[in-house]
Amino acid sequence: MTSTMRTSLLVTALLLAAAACTNAGSDLGSSPLRTNSVTAQAFLDRDGSHTFTAGIDTLFPGAKVSLRPFGGGKPIQTITTNVNGIARFNNVPLGQYTITVDPASIGDSISVVAIDSAHVVVAVADTNQKVGIRLGFPEVSIRQARLLPIGTRAFIRGVVLAGVQSFRDTTSYVADSSGQIRLTRVSLRAGLVGNNPGDSVSVIGVASSRAGQPTLDNAVISRFGARPAPIPLPLNTATAANAAGGTQDAALVIITGAIISDTLTDAPDSRVTGSDGSGPITVLLDGNIN
């Protein structure tokens, strides 16, 4: 190989190396990690319907909402919900997350009832994941409601045994599969003027007592549907006189074959005493009842 040829090859090699270096600083196929956003919105379920009810439920500001790695770990971001109940997490890397709410930020009597998705997956195709947060008061069975400490606010769901319009002292009676309870100082939502036996309802009220028996006071009833009127429990007069030792307090019962021995006007109500032979009972007939 002559010196002229060696020089030519050397020049060619240098030119190829220079051409290879022209890509310095360019994207070689490793683009920046994609990020998306997650929006959480909190509302207070005031009627116990389990969904947002316009005009009744309210959006909840001031709740501290955290976005955490799925499976546990420290929050990636924590944001306080705005006046529209919204906390928006921006620049969230692709991955799997969970949403939590700081209990101290929503008050002692309110709790997180449900979060739409406990497992939030942020994928390439997602631009904004949306998660609903339902806040509310504890929802308990009627048996549990009867055991609540006085002053505790809670929801129950059940069937109306006797409507509020039947009693001039604004009481009503509701039952579920666990028991029954008297509601006092009742009001009705959504423009209702009464409720009927068999109505399917949710009730929010404050644990209280009357005549030594548990009640829900300041009860607000929301009606969601109707069922057939409930069937009363047959009792004799002696058993009904003490509500079967208190186990049937607030229950709907029927007594047959009792002979009236005395009546007394207790205006505007009436008191009737009678017995079917098992023992006497005195019944107060509300003035609203014909």
Protein backbone atom coordinates (compact mmCIF):
# COMPACT_ATOMS: atom_id res chain seq x y z
CA MET A 1 0.00 0.00 0.00
CA THR A 2 1.46 3.38 -1.04
CA SER A 3 1.61 6.36 1.29
CA THR A 4 -0.97 8.10 -0.87
CA MET A 5 -3.49 5.32 -0.32
CA ARG A 6 -2.87 5.23 3.45
CA THR A 7 -3.54 8.95 3.65
CA SER A 8 -6.80 8.57 1.71
CA LEU A 9 -8.06 5.80 4.01
CA LEU A 10 -7.19 7.83 7.08
CA VAL A 11 -9.12 10.82 5.80
CA THR A 12 -12.13 8.62 5.04
CA ALA A 13 -12.15 7.16 8.55
CA LEU A 14 -12.01 10.57 10.13
CA LEU A 15 -14.93 11.75 8.05
CA LEU A 16 -17.06 8.75 9.11
CA ALA A 17 -16.25 9.37 12.77
CA ALA A 18 -17.20 13.01 12.43
CA ALA A 19 -20.49 12.05 10.79
CA ALA A 20 -21.29 9.67 13.69
CA CYS A 21 -20.80 12.49 16.21
CA THR A 22 -23.38 14.77 14.60
CA ASN A 23 -26.14 13.04 16.70
CA ALA A 24 -24.72 14.33 19.98
CA GLY A 25 -27.47 15.66 22.23
CA SER A 26 -30.31 14.25 20.12
CA ASP A 27 -33.08 11.85 21.31
CA LEU A 28 -31.78 8.31 20.81
CA GLY A 29 -35.17 6.69 21.55
CA SER A 30 -35.42 7.23 25.33
CA SER A 31 -38.11 9.94 25.68
CA PRO A 32 -38.95 11.61 29.04
CA LEU A 33 -41.32 9.59 31.25
CA ARG A 34 -45.00 10.31 30.57
CA THR A 35 -47.03 11.91 33.36
CA ASN A 36 -50.76 12.37 33.70
CA SER A 37 -53.17 13.75 36.28
CA VAL A 38 -55.59 12.30 38.83
CA THR A 39 -58.64 14.25 40.04
CA ALA A 40 -60.48 13.33 43.24
CA GLN A 41 -63.79 14.92 44.22
CA ALA A 42 -65.33 14.61 47.69
CA PHE A 43 -69.00 15.06 48.61
CA LEU A 44 -71.06 14.65 51.75
CA ASP A 45 -73.86 12.10 51.27
CA ARG A 46 -76.52 13.84 53.36
CA ASP A 47 -79.46 11.63 52.34
CA GLY A 48 -77.71 8.27 52.44
CA SER A 49 -78.55 7.48 48.82
CA HIS A 50 -74.94 6.36 48.10
CA THR A 51 -74.86 8.67 45.07
CA PHE A 52 -74.65 12.44 44.68
CA THR A 53 -78.13 14.00 45.01
CA ALA A 54 -78.30 17.53 43.63
CA GLY A 55 -79.90 19.99 46.02
CA ILE A 56 -79.33 17.75 49.06
CA ASP A 57 -75.76 16.49 49.08
CA THR A 58 -72.91 19.01 49.26
CA LEU A 59 -69.41 19.14 47.80
CA PHE A 60 -66.83 18.99 50.58
CA PRO A 61 -63.97 21.51 50.80
CA GLY A 62 -61.06 21.23 53.21
CA ALA A 63 -60.47 17.47 53.07
CA LYS A 64 -56.78 16.51 52.88
CA VAL A 65 -56.49 13.92 50.12
CA SER A 66 -53.28 11.96 49.47
CA LEU A 67 -52.10 10.03 46.44
CA ARG A 68 -49.98 7.08 47.59
CA PRO A 69 -48.21 4.18 45.90
CA PHE A 70 -50.51 1.19 45.65
CA GLY A 71 -49.67 -1.25 48.40
CA GLY A 72 -48.57 1.43 50.86
CA GLY A 73 -45.92 4.04 51.31
CA LYS A 74 -45.56 7.76 51.89
CA PRO A 75 -47.83 10.13 49.96
CA ILE A 76 -46.55 11.25 46.58
CA GLN A 77 -48.76 14.33 46.82
CA THR A 78 -51.25 15.66 49.39
CA ILE A 79 -53.79 18.26 48.33
CA THR A 80 -56.69 19.91 50.18
CA THR A 81 -60.02 19.86 48.34
CA ASN A 82 -61.21 23.25 47.06
CA VAL A 83 -64.68 24.81 47.28
CA ASN A 84 -65.88 22.31 44.66
CA GLY A 85 -64.56 19.38 46.68
CA ILE A 86 -61.78 18.78 44.14
CA ALA A 87 -58.17 17.78 44.71
CA ARG A 88 -56.18 17.54 41.48
CA PHE A 89 -52.83 15.74 41.33
CA ASN A 90 -50.70 16.85 38.38
CA ASN A 91 -47.53 15.38 36.88
CA VAL A 92 -48.28 11.89 38.15
CA PRO A 93 -45.88 9.30 36.69
CA LEU A 94 -47.36 6.21 35.09
CA GLY A 95 -48.01 3.58 37.72
CA GLN A 96 -50.41 2.25 40.34
CA TYR A 97 -51.75 4.33 43.22
CA THR A 98 -54.35 4.56 45.95
CA ILE A 99 -56.32 7.53 47.33
CA THR A 100 -56.60 8.20 51.08
CA VAL A 101 -58.24 10.95 53.16
CA ASP A 102 -56.89 12.33 56.43
CA PRO A 103 -59.69 11.64 58.99
CA ALA A 104 -58.70 14.69 61.05
CA SER A 105 -59.51 16.95 58.10
CA ILE A 106 -63.19 15.92 57.80
CA GLY A 107 -64.35 16.08 61.43
CA ASP A 108 -65.01 13.61 64.22
CA SER A 109 -68.54 12.63 63.24
CA ILE A 110 -67.94 12.21 59.48
CA SER A 111 -66.10 9.31 57.92
CA VAL A 112 -64.99 8.14 54.48
CA VAL A 113 -67.84 5.86 53.42
CA ALA A 114 -66.49 4.87 50.01
CA ILE A 115 -63.86 5.76 47.42
CA ASP A 116 -64.72 4.90 43.80
CA SER A 117 -61.48 3.06 43.23
CA ALA A 118 -59.01 1.88 45.84
CA HIS A 119 -56.68 0.95 42.98
CA VAL A 120 -55.88 3.82 40.60
CA VAL A 121 -53.88 2.82 37.53
CA VAL A 122 -52.30 5.67 35.56
CA ALA A 123 -51.53 4.33 32.08
CA VAL A 124 -50.21 5.87 28.86
CA ALA A 125 -53.69 6.29 27.41
CA ASP A 126 -55.01 8.11 30.50
CA THR A 127 -54.97 11.89 30.52
CA ASN A 128 -56.94 12.43 33.73
CA GLN A 129 -58.13 9.73 36.09
CA LYS A 130 -61.25 10.74 38.09
CA VAL A 131 -62.03 9.32 41.52
CA GLY A 132 -65.11 10.05 43.65
CA ILE A 133 -64.91 10.18 47.43
CA ARG A 134 -68.17 9.70 49.36
CA LEU A 135 -68.18 11.09 52.88
CA GLY A 136 -70.98 10.50 55.33
CA PHE A 137 -72.11 9.69 58.80
CA PRO A 138 -71.81 6.07 59.98
CA GLU A 139 -74.45 3.75 58.52
CA VAL A 140 -75.58 1.12 61.00
CA SER A 141 -78.29 -1.50 61.40
CA ILE A 142 -81.22 -0.64 63.63
CA ARG A 143 -79.92 -3.08 66.24
CA GLN A 144 -76.64 -1.19 66.26
CA ALA A 145 -78.47 2.16 66.31
CA ARG A 146 -80.26 1.16 69.50
CA LEU A 147 -76.86 0.67 71.16
CA LEU A 148 -75.27 3.95 70.06
CA PRO A 149 -74.08 6.40 72.72
CA ILE A 150 -76.52 9.27 73.25
CA GLY A 151 -75.74 12.14 70.88
CA THR A 152 -74.18 10.00 68.13
CA ARG A 153 -75.35 10.86 64.61
CA ALA A 154 -75.87 7.95 62.24
CA PHE A 155 -77.76 6.62 59.22
CA ILE A 156 -80.14 3.69 59.17
CA ARG A 157 -82.02 2.14 56.25
CA GLY A 158 -85.29 0.28 56.53
CA VAL A 159 -89.03 0.10 55.94
CA VAL A 160 -91.61 2.42 57.48
CA LEU A 161 -93.95 0.73 59.96
CA ALA A 162 -96.06 3.81 60.70
CA GLY A 163 -95.96 7.18 58.95
CA VAL A 164 -95.22 10.49 60.61
CA GLN A 165 -98.61 11.90 59.63
CA SER A 166 -100.26 9.33 61.91
CA PHE A 167 -98.86 10.94 65.07
CA ARG A 168 -99.29 14.53 66.16
CA ASP A 169 -95.95 14.45 68.04
CA THR A 170 -94.05 13.95 64.72
CA THR A 171 -92.88 10.43 65.41
CA SER A 172 -92.46 7.59 62.95
CA TYR A 173 -91.33 3.97 63.17
CA VAL A 174 -88.85 2.09 60.97
CA ALA A 175 -87.70 -1.55 60.87
CA ASP A 176 -84.99 -3.59 59.18
CA SER A 177 -84.07 -7.26 59.49
CA SER A 178 -82.30 -6.58 62.80
CA GLY A 179 -85.06 -4.76 64.67
CA GLN A 180 -87.14 -1.61 64.84
CA ILE A 181 -86.84 1.87 66.32
CA ARG A 182 -88.91 4.97 67.03
CA LEU A 183 -87.98 8.21 65.25
CA THR A 184 -88.75 11.48 67.00
CA ARG A 185 -89.04 15.08 65.78
CA VAL A 186 -89.23 13.76 62.24
CA SER A 187 -88.87 15.83 59.08
CA LEU A 188 -89.07 14.66 55.47
CA ARG A 189 -86.78 15.46 52.55
CA ALA A 190 -87.62 16.29 48.95
CA GLY A 191 -90.96 17.97 49.60
CA LEU A 192 -92.66 14.88 51.04
CA VAL A 193 -95.71 15.63 53.19
CA GLY A 194 -95.97 12.13 54.65
CA ASN A 195 -94.65 8.61 54.52
CA ASN A 196 -96.53 5.35 54.34
CA PRO A 197 -96.12 1.86 55.79
CA GLY A 198 -93.89 -0.07 53.40
CA ASP A 199 -91.87 2.94 52.20
CA SER A 200 -88.19 2.12 51.74
CA VAL A 201 -86.23 4.90 53.42
CA SER A 202 -82.92 6.06 54.78
CA VAL A 203 -82.89 8.05 57.99
CA ILE A 204 -80.27 10.22 59.59
CA GLY A 205 -80.78 11.03 63.24
CA VAL A 206 -79.17 11.49 66.63
CA ALA A 207 -79.20 8.68 69.17
CA SER A 208 -81.53 9.58 72.03
CA SER A 209 -84.15 7.94 74.26
CA ARG A 210 -87.80 8.25 75.21
CA ALA A 211 -89.56 6.42 78.05
CA GLY A 212 -86.35 4.48 78.65
CA GLN A 213 -86.13 3.12 75.10
CA PRO A 214 -83.62 4.08 72.37
CA THR A 215 -84.75 6.47 69.64
CA LEU A 216 -83.31 8.48 66.78
CA ASP A 217 -84.09 12.13 67.39
CA ASN A 218 -84.20 15.01 64.88
CA ALA A 219 -84.68 12.28 62.30
CA VAL A 220 -84.67 13.25 58.63
CA ILE A 221 -86.27 10.70 56.31
CA SER A 222 -85.46 10.24 52.62
CA ARG A 223 -87.78 7.98 50.62
CA PHE A 224 -86.36 5.76 47.87
CA GLY A 225 -89.22 3.45 47.00
CA ALA A 226 -92.31 1.58 48.15
CA ARG A 227 -92.90 -1.97 49.28
CA PRO A 228 -96.02 -3.81 50.41
CA ALA A 229 -97.27 -2.73 53.82
CA PRO A 230 -95.45 -4.65 56.59
CA ILE A 231 -97.24 -7.51 58.32
CA PRO A 232 -97.92 -6.88 62.03
CA LEU A 233 -96.68 -9.30 64.66
CA PRO A 234 -99.52 -11.04 66.55
CA LEU A 235 -99.20 -10.68 70.35
CA ASN A 236 -101.51 -11.27 73.29
CA THR A 237 -102.33 -8.36 75.56
CA ALA A 238 -100.00 -9.38 78.39
CA THR A 239 -96.98 -9.71 76.10
CA ALA A 240 -97.79 -6.50 74.25
CA ALA A 241 -98.15 -4.60 77.54
CA ASN A 242 -94.38 -4.77 78.12
CA ALA A 243 -93.38 -5.11 74.44
CA ALA A 244 -92.26 -8.70 75.04
CA GLY A 245 -89.85 -7.60 77.72
CA GLY A 246 -88.72 -4.67 75.59
CA THR A 247 -87.59 -6.85 72.69
CA GLN A 248 -90.49 -5.66 70.54
CA ASP A 249 -90.20 -1.97 71.41
CA ALA A 250 -91.41 0.13 68.45
CA ALA A 251 -92.65 -2.98 66.64
CA LEU A 252 -95.85 -3.13 64.60
CA VAL A 253 -98.16 -5.60 66.37
CA ILE A 254 -101.75 -6.78 66.22
CA ILE A 255 -103.93 -7.83 69.14
CA THR A 256 -107.16 -9.75 68.48
CA GLY A 257 -109.92 -10.90 70.76
CA ALA A 258 -109.32 -8.30 73.47
CA ILE A 259 -112.34 -7.05 75.40
CA ILE A 260 -112.35 -3.35 76.28
CA SER A 261 -112.84 -2.74 79.97
CA ASP A 262 -112.29 1.02 80.18
CA THR A 263 -111.89 4.12 78.04
CA LEU A 264 -110.58 7.51 79.03
CA THR A 265 -110.39 10.75 77.08
CA ASP A 266 -106.93 12.27 77.30
CA ALA A 267 -107.63 15.11 74.87
CA PRO A 268 -106.91 15.09 72.05
CA ASP A 269 -105.95 11.41 72.52
CA SER A 270 -107.83 8.48 74.00
CA ARG A 271 -106.75 5.69 76.35
CA VAL A 272 -108.30 2.26 76.01
CA THR A 273 -107.76 -0.62 78.44
CA GLY A 274 -108.55 -4.21 77.55
CA SER A 275 -107.52 -7.83 77.82
CA ASP A 276 -107.74 -11.06 75.86
CA GLY A 277 -107.54 -13.04 79.10
CA SER A 278 -103.74 -13.10 79.34
CA GLY A 279 -103.50 -9.78 81.17
CA PRO A 280 -104.48 -6.13 80.73
CA ILE A 281 -103.00 -3.54 78.39
CA THR A 282 -103.63 0.19 78.06
CA VAL A 283 -103.36 1.58 74.55
CA LEU A 284 -102.97 5.27 73.69
CA LEU A 285 -104.90 6.13 70.54
CA ASP A 286 -103.39 9.18 68.89
CA GLY A 287 -105.76 12.05 68.16
CA ASN A 288 -104.75 11.93 64.50
CA ILE A 289 -106.27 8.47 64.11
CA ASN A 290 -109.99 8.30 63.34
